[in-house]
Amino acid sequence: MDYSEHVENAQNSGQKDLLKEAKSILKTIQGELAFVDTLPIPLVGTENLRDKKITLLDDQETVFGSFVPRLLVETNGKAAFIYHQGQTAEEIIEELLKTNPDAVLIDYNLANGIKGSDLVKILNKKEFPGKVFGFSTDMRANMAFKEANADGVIYKDINNTESPIRQLSQYFS
C-alpha cells in the first residue's frame, strides 16, 4: 500500500467517525426526523478552524441540521452543540463553560425569552477566555450583541453554511 492509499484510508476512517458523530448528535436533537448521509468537504481557506473547539448554542432544530455536519468537519470533530430547550441562563452558561470552547456561537432569540446578548454579558463578567459571537438571522440583534461586547456578529444562514463559517474563520485570522 503506498502513501496516498494510507492517507485516503485515514481520511475515510475519520470521515466515517465524523459522520457517525453527526448522525448521533442530530438524532439526539431531531429524533426520527434527523437525516445526514454525507459530510461537506472542508472549505479551502478555513484551515485555521481545524482543531478549534467551537460551541454552537441555539434553540432551532433546523439550525443544527444545517450546522452540525459543517462545524464537525471544519473543526476536525472538536465542535460542541447545546440545544436550548428551556434551560435557565445560568444552566446554559454552565453547559457552555463545560465544553471549554475557543469560541461560542450564540443565537439571539432563545427559548423562554432569553436573549443571546444577555448570555454574552454573563460570559464577559465571568472573564470567559474564548471568543463570543452573536449568531443570528435577526439583523436587529447586531446592535444588542455589539453593546454586550461580543467579539463579533455572524449572520446565520441555514441555506448557505459556507458563508457563516468563512466569517468565523476571518475572526481567527
C-alpha atoms as a PDB file:
ATOM      1  CA  MET A   1       0.000   0.000   0.000  1.00  0.00           C
ATOM      2  CA  ASP A   2       1.510   3.342  -0.992  1.00  0.00           C
ATOM      3  CA  TYR A   3       1.380   6.643   0.924  1.00  0.00           C
ATOM      4  CA  SER A   4      -1.668   8.019  -0.919  1.00  0.00           C
ATOM      5  CA  GLU A   5      -3.685   4.908  -0.003  1.00  0.00           C
ATOM      6  CA  HIS A   6      -2.706   5.320   3.676  1.00  0.00           C
ATOM      7  CA  VAL A   7      -3.792   8.969   3.615  1.00  0.00           C
ATOM      8  CA  GLU A   8      -7.030   8.127   1.812  1.00  0.00           C
ATOM      9  CA  ASN A   9      -7.840   5.326   4.268  1.00  0.00           C
ATOM     10  CA  ALA A  10      -7.140   7.624   7.240  1.00  0.00           C
ATOM     11  CA  GLN A  11      -9.365  10.324   5.765  1.00  0.00           C
ATOM     12  CA  ASN A  12     -12.148   7.846   5.031  1.00  0.00           C
ATOM     13  CA  SER A  13     -11.904   6.465   8.560  1.00  0.00           C
ATOM     14  CA  GLY A  14     -12.002   9.984  10.038  1.00  0.00           C
ATOM     15  CA  GLN A  15     -14.945  10.938   7.817  1.00  0.00           C
ATOM     16  CA  LYS A  16     -16.837   7.808   8.897  1.00  0.00           C
ATOM     17  CA  ASP A  17     -16.277   8.734  12.539  1.00  0.00           C
ATOM     18  CA  LEU A  18     -17.441  12.322  11.955  1.00  0.00           C
ATOM     19  CA  LEU A  19     -20.485  11.128  10.020  1.00  0.00           C
ATOM     20  CA  LYS A  20     -21.369   8.759  12.854  1.00  0.00           C
ATOM     21  CA  GLU A  21     -20.974  11.613  15.354  1.00  0.00           C
ATOM     22  CA  ALA A  22     -23.112  13.961  13.231  1.00  0.00           C
ATOM     23  CA  LYS A  23     -25.844  11.327  12.995  1.00  0.00           C
ATOM     24  CA  SER A  24     -25.759  10.782  16.758  1.00  0.00           C
ATOM     25  CA  ILE A  25     -25.937  14.495  17.596  1.00  0.00           C
ATOM     26  CA  LEU A  26     -28.759  15.138  15.143  1.00  0.00           C
ATOM     27  CA  LYS A  27     -30.738  12.112  16.330  1.00  0.00           C
ATOM     28  CA  THR A  28     -30.500  13.443  19.887  1.00  0.00           C
ATOM     29  CA  ILE A  29     -31.809  16.847  18.789  1.00  0.00           C
ATOM     30  CA  GLN A  30     -34.163  15.999  15.946  1.00  0.00           C
ATOM     31  CA  GLY A  31     -35.219  12.467  16.842  1.00  0.00           C
ATOM     32  CA  GLU A  32     -36.524  10.384  13.985  1.00  0.00           C
ATOM     33  CA  LEU A  33     -36.502  13.419  11.661  1.00  0.00           C
ATOM     34  CA  ALA A  34     -32.694  13.547  11.749  1.00  0.00           C
ATOM     35  CA  PHE A  35     -31.056  12.866   8.430  1.00  0.00           C
ATOM     36  CA  VAL A  36     -27.488  13.180   7.279  1.00  0.00           C
ATOM     37  CA  ASP A  37     -25.903  10.779   4.827  1.00  0.00           C
ATOM     38  CA  THR A  38     -22.808  12.701   3.757  1.00  0.00           C
ATOM     39  CA  LEU A  39     -20.498  15.307   5.159  1.00  0.00           C
ATOM     40  CA  PRO A  40     -19.494  18.536   3.443  1.00  0.00           C
ATOM     41  CA  ILE A  41     -15.993  18.906   2.062  1.00  0.00           C
ATOM     42  CA  PRO A  42     -13.772  21.104   4.281  1.00  0.00           C
ATOM     43  CA  LEU A  43     -13.671  24.662   2.995  1.00  0.00           C
ATOM     44  CA  VAL A  44     -10.476  25.970   1.479  1.00  0.00           C
ATOM     45  CA  GLY A  45      -9.264  28.985   3.434  1.00  0.00           C
ATOM     46  CA  THR A  46     -10.768  27.969   6.780  1.00  0.00           C
ATOM     47  CA  GLU A  47      -7.899  25.751   7.918  1.00  0.00           C
ATOM     48  CA  ASN A  48      -7.460  27.987  10.979  1.00  0.00           C
ATOM     49  CA  LEU A  49     -10.669  26.463  12.383  1.00  0.00           C
ATOM     50  CA  ARG A  50      -9.233  22.934  12.366  1.00  0.00           C
ATOM     51  CA  ASP A  51      -8.975  21.623  15.902  1.00  0.00           C
ATOM     52  CA  LYS A  52     -10.701  24.707  17.363  1.00  0.00           C
ATOM     53  CA  LYS A  53     -13.306  23.947  19.996  1.00  0.00           C
ATOM     54  CA  ILE A  54     -16.393  25.796  18.816  1.00  0.00           C
ATOM     55  CA  THR A  55     -19.700  25.517  20.646  1.00  0.00           C
ATOM     56  CA  LEU A  56     -22.989  26.349  18.943  1.00  0.00           C
ATOM     57  CA  LEU A  57     -25.943  27.343  21.127  1.00  0.00           C
ATOM     58  CA  ASP A  58     -29.378  27.515  19.510  1.00  0.00           C
ATOM     59  CA  ASP A  59     -32.979  26.513  20.067  1.00  0.00           C
ATOM     60  CA  GLN A  60     -33.958  25.606  16.497  1.00  0.00           C
ATOM     61  CA  GLU A  61     -33.626  22.025  15.272  1.00  0.00           C
ATOM     62  CA  THR A  62     -33.166  23.177  11.673  1.00  0.00           C
ATOM     63  CA  VAL A  63     -30.067  25.159  12.617  1.00  0.00           C
ATOM     64  CA  PHE A  64     -28.435  22.031  13.973  1.00  0.00           C
ATOM     65  CA  GLY A  65     -29.438  20.074  10.874  1.00  0.00           C
ATOM     66  CA  SER A  66     -27.504  22.605   8.793  1.00  0.00           C
ATOM     67  CA  PHE A  67     -24.520  23.335  11.024  1.00  0.00           C
ATOM     68  CA  VAL A  68     -23.676  20.098  12.863  1.00  0.00           C
ATOM     69  CA  PRO A  69     -22.091  18.428   9.809  1.00  0.00           C
ATOM     70  CA  ARG A  70     -20.310  21.615   8.676  1.00  0.00           C
ATOM     71  CA  LEU A  71     -18.872  22.507  12.104  1.00  0.00           C
ATOM     72  CA  LEU A  72     -17.755  18.945  12.805  1.00  0.00           C
ATOM     73  CA  VAL A  73     -15.850  18.851   9.517  1.00  0.00           C
ATOM     74  CA  GLU A  74     -14.325  22.308   9.892  1.00  0.00           C
ATOM     75  CA  THR A  75     -13.134  21.649  13.468  1.00  0.00           C
ATOM     76  CA  ASN A  76     -11.998  18.044  12.953  1.00  0.00           C
ATOM     77  CA  GLY A  77     -14.735  16.890  15.304  1.00  0.00           C
ATOM     78  CA  LYS A  78     -13.993  19.416  18.074  1.00  0.00           C
ATOM     79  CA  ALA A  79     -17.312  21.278  17.798  1.00  0.00           C
ATOM     80  CA  ALA A  80     -19.903  21.019  20.566  1.00  0.00           C
ATOM     81  CA  PHE A  81     -23.612  21.727  20.410  1.00  0.00           C
ATOM     82  CA  ILE A  82     -26.074  22.928  23.006  1.00  0.00           C
ATOM     83  CA  TYR A  83     -29.739  22.604  22.171  1.00  0.00           C
ATOM     84  CA  HIS A  84     -31.605  25.160  24.263  1.00  0.00           C
ATOM     85  CA  GLN A  85     -34.986  23.800  25.277  1.00  0.00           C
ATOM     86  CA  GLY A  86     -35.745  25.744  28.386  1.00  0.00           C
ATOM     87  CA  GLN A  87     -32.610  25.757  30.482  1.00  0.00           C
ATOM     88  CA  THR A  88     -32.151  28.880  32.560  1.00  0.00           C
ATOM     89  CA  ALA A  89     -29.460  31.383  31.600  1.00  0.00           C
ATOM     90  CA  GLU A  90     -27.296  30.065  34.450  1.00  0.00           C
ATOM     91  CA  GLU A  91     -27.694  26.462  33.254  1.00  0.00           C
ATOM     92  CA  ILE A  92     -26.788  27.469  29.702  1.00  0.00           C
ATOM     93  CA  ILE A  93     -23.651  29.273  30.875  1.00  0.00           C
ATOM     94  CA  GLU A  94     -22.661  26.231  32.940  1.00  0.00           C
ATOM     95  CA  GLU A  95     -23.122  23.959  29.902  1.00  0.00           C
ATOM     96  CA  LEU A  96     -21.126  26.332  27.699  1.00  0.00           C
ATOM     97  CA  LEU A  97     -18.234  26.544  30.129  1.00  0.00           C
ATOM     98  CA  LYS A  98     -18.103  22.734  30.446  1.00  0.00           C
ATOM     99  CA  THR A  99     -17.382  22.489  26.713  1.00  0.00           C
ATOM    100  CA  ASN A 100     -14.255  24.646  27.267  1.00  0.00           C
ATOM    101  CA  PRO A 101     -14.566  26.256  23.816  1.00  0.00           C
ATOM    102  CA  ASP A 102     -12.214  28.514  21.927  1.00  0.00           C
ATOM    103  CA  ALA A 103     -15.325  30.223  20.553  1.00  0.00           C
ATOM    104  CA  VAL A 104     -19.066  30.246  21.125  1.00  0.00           C
ATOM    105  CA  LEU A 105     -21.771  30.966  18.557  1.00  0.00           C
ATOM    106  CA  ILE A 106     -24.873  32.208  20.395  1.00  0.00           C
ATOM    107  CA  ASP A 107     -28.293  32.653  18.847  1.00  0.00           C
ATOM    108  CA  TYR A 108     -30.054  35.899  19.759  1.00  0.00           C
ATOM    109  CA  ASN A 109     -33.664  34.793  20.251  1.00  0.00           C
ATOM    110  CA  LEU A 110     -33.609  31.758  22.515  1.00  0.00           C
ATOM    111  CA  ALA A 111     -36.477  29.892  24.134  1.00  0.00           C
ATOM    112  CA  ASN A 112     -38.274  31.350  27.173  1.00  0.00           C
ATOM    113  CA  GLY A 113     -37.352  34.909  26.203  1.00  0.00           C
ATOM    114  CA  ILE A 114     -33.636  34.511  26.855  1.00  0.00           C
ATOM    115  CA  LYS A 115     -31.541  36.820  24.697  1.00  0.00           C
ATOM    116  CA  GLY A 116     -28.148  35.765  23.446  1.00  0.00           C
ATOM    117  CA  SER A 117     -26.780  39.218  24.169  1.00  0.00           C
ATOM    118  CA  ASP A 118     -27.561  38.688  27.868  1.00  0.00           C
ATOM    119  CA  LEU A 119     -25.538  35.465  27.784  1.00  0.00           C
ATOM    120  CA  VAL A 120     -22.643  37.372  26.208  1.00  0.00           C
ATOM    121  CA  LYS A 121     -22.735  39.836  29.109  1.00  0.00           C
ATOM    122  CA  ILE A 122     -22.662  36.983  31.636  1.00  0.00           C
ATOM    123  CA  LEU A 123     -19.713  35.331  29.880  1.00  0.00           C
ATOM    124  CA  ASN A 124     -17.850  38.644  29.866  1.00  0.00           C
ATOM    125  CA  LYS A 125     -18.459  39.098  33.606  1.00  0.00           C
ATOM    126  CA  LYS A 126     -17.061  35.609  34.167  1.00  0.00           C
ATOM    127  CA  GLU A 127     -13.988  36.643  32.133  1.00  0.00           C
ATOM    128  CA  PHE A 128     -14.547  33.836  29.645  1.00  0.00           C
ATOM    129  CA  PRO A 129     -11.222  33.463  27.788  1.00  0.00           C
ATOM    130  CA  GLY A 130     -12.673  32.396  24.414  1.00  0.00           C
ATOM    131  CA  LYS A 131     -14.297  34.412  21.687  1.00  0.00           C
ATOM    132  CA  VAL A 132     -18.047  35.000  21.839  1.00  0.00           C
ATOM    133  CA  PHE A 133     -20.041  35.632  18.681  1.00  0.00           C
ATOM    134  CA  GLY A 134     -23.613  36.560  18.113  1.00  0.00           C
ATOM    135  CA  PHE A 135     -25.130  34.140  15.611  1.00  0.00           C
ATOM    136  CA  SER A 136     -28.479  35.236  14.304  1.00  0.00           C
ATOM    137  CA  THR A 137     -30.715  35.818  11.310  1.00  0.00           C
ATOM    138  CA  ASP A 138     -32.219  38.785  13.160  1.00  0.00           C
ATOM    139  CA  MET A 139     -30.253  41.782  11.887  1.00  0.00           C
ATOM    140  CA  ARG A 140     -31.622  43.869  14.780  1.00  0.00           C
ATOM    141  CA  ALA A 141     -29.570  41.638  17.070  1.00  0.00           C
ATOM    142  CA  ASN A 142     -26.305  43.130  15.768  1.00  0.00           C
ATOM    143  CA  MET A 143     -26.564  46.208  17.961  1.00  0.00           C
ATOM    144  CA  ALA A 144     -27.517  44.213  21.063  1.00  0.00           C
ATOM    145  CA  PHE A 145     -24.548  41.875  20.575  1.00  0.00           C
ATOM    146  CA  LYS A 146     -22.205  44.815  19.980  1.00  0.00           C
ATOM    147  CA  GLU A 147     -23.473  46.567  23.124  1.00  0.00           C
ATOM    148  CA  ALA A 148     -22.875  43.332  25.051  1.00  0.00           C
ATOM    149  CA  ASN A 149     -19.252  43.373  23.805  1.00  0.00           C
ATOM    150  CA  ALA A 150     -19.449  40.255  21.657  1.00  0.00           C
ATOM    151  CA  ASP A 151     -16.297  39.620  19.643  1.00  0.00           C
ATOM    152  CA  GLY A 152     -18.401  39.823  16.512  1.00  0.00           C
ATOM    153  CA  VAL A 153     -21.714  39.002  14.914  1.00  0.00           C
ATOM    154  CA  ILE A 154     -22.110  36.335  12.276  1.00  0.00           C
ATOM    155  CA  TYR A 155     -25.146  36.140  10.037  1.00  0.00           C
ATOM    156  CA  LYS A 156     -26.694  32.689  10.458  1.00  0.00           C
ATOM    157  CA  ASP A 157     -27.693  31.369   7.049  1.00  0.00           C
ATOM    158  CA  ILE A 158     -29.012  27.808   7.266  1.00  0.00           C
ATOM    159  CA  ASN A 159     -29.219  27.567   3.485  1.00  0.00           C
ATOM    160  CA  ASN A 160     -25.573  28.535   2.989  1.00  0.00           C
ATOM    161  CA  THR A 161     -23.375  27.273   5.828  1.00  0.00           C
ATOM    162  CA  GLU A 162     -20.199  28.233   3.996  1.00  0.00           C
ATOM    163  CA  SER A 163     -20.664  31.986   4.414  1.00  0.00           C
ATOM    164  CA  PRO A 164     -21.006  31.974   8.240  1.00  0.00           C
ATOM    165  CA  ILE A 165     -18.079  29.565   8.559  1.00  0.00           C
ATOM    166  CA  ARG A 166     -15.927  31.816   6.390  1.00  0.00           C
ATOM    167  CA  GLN A 167     -16.926  34.793   8.565  1.00  0.00           C
ATOM    168  CA  LEU A 168     -15.976  32.840  11.683  1.00  0.00           C
ATOM    169  CA  SER A 169     -12.651  31.882  10.139  1.00  0.00           C
ATOM    170  CA  GLN A 170     -11.880  35.544   9.429  1.00  0.00           C
ATOM    171  CA  TYR A 171     -12.176  36.309  13.152  1.00  0.00           C
ATOM    172  CA  PHE A 172      -9.446  33.755  13.829  1.00  0.00           C
ATOM    173  CA  SER A 173      -7.130  35.178  11.127  1.00  0.00           C
END
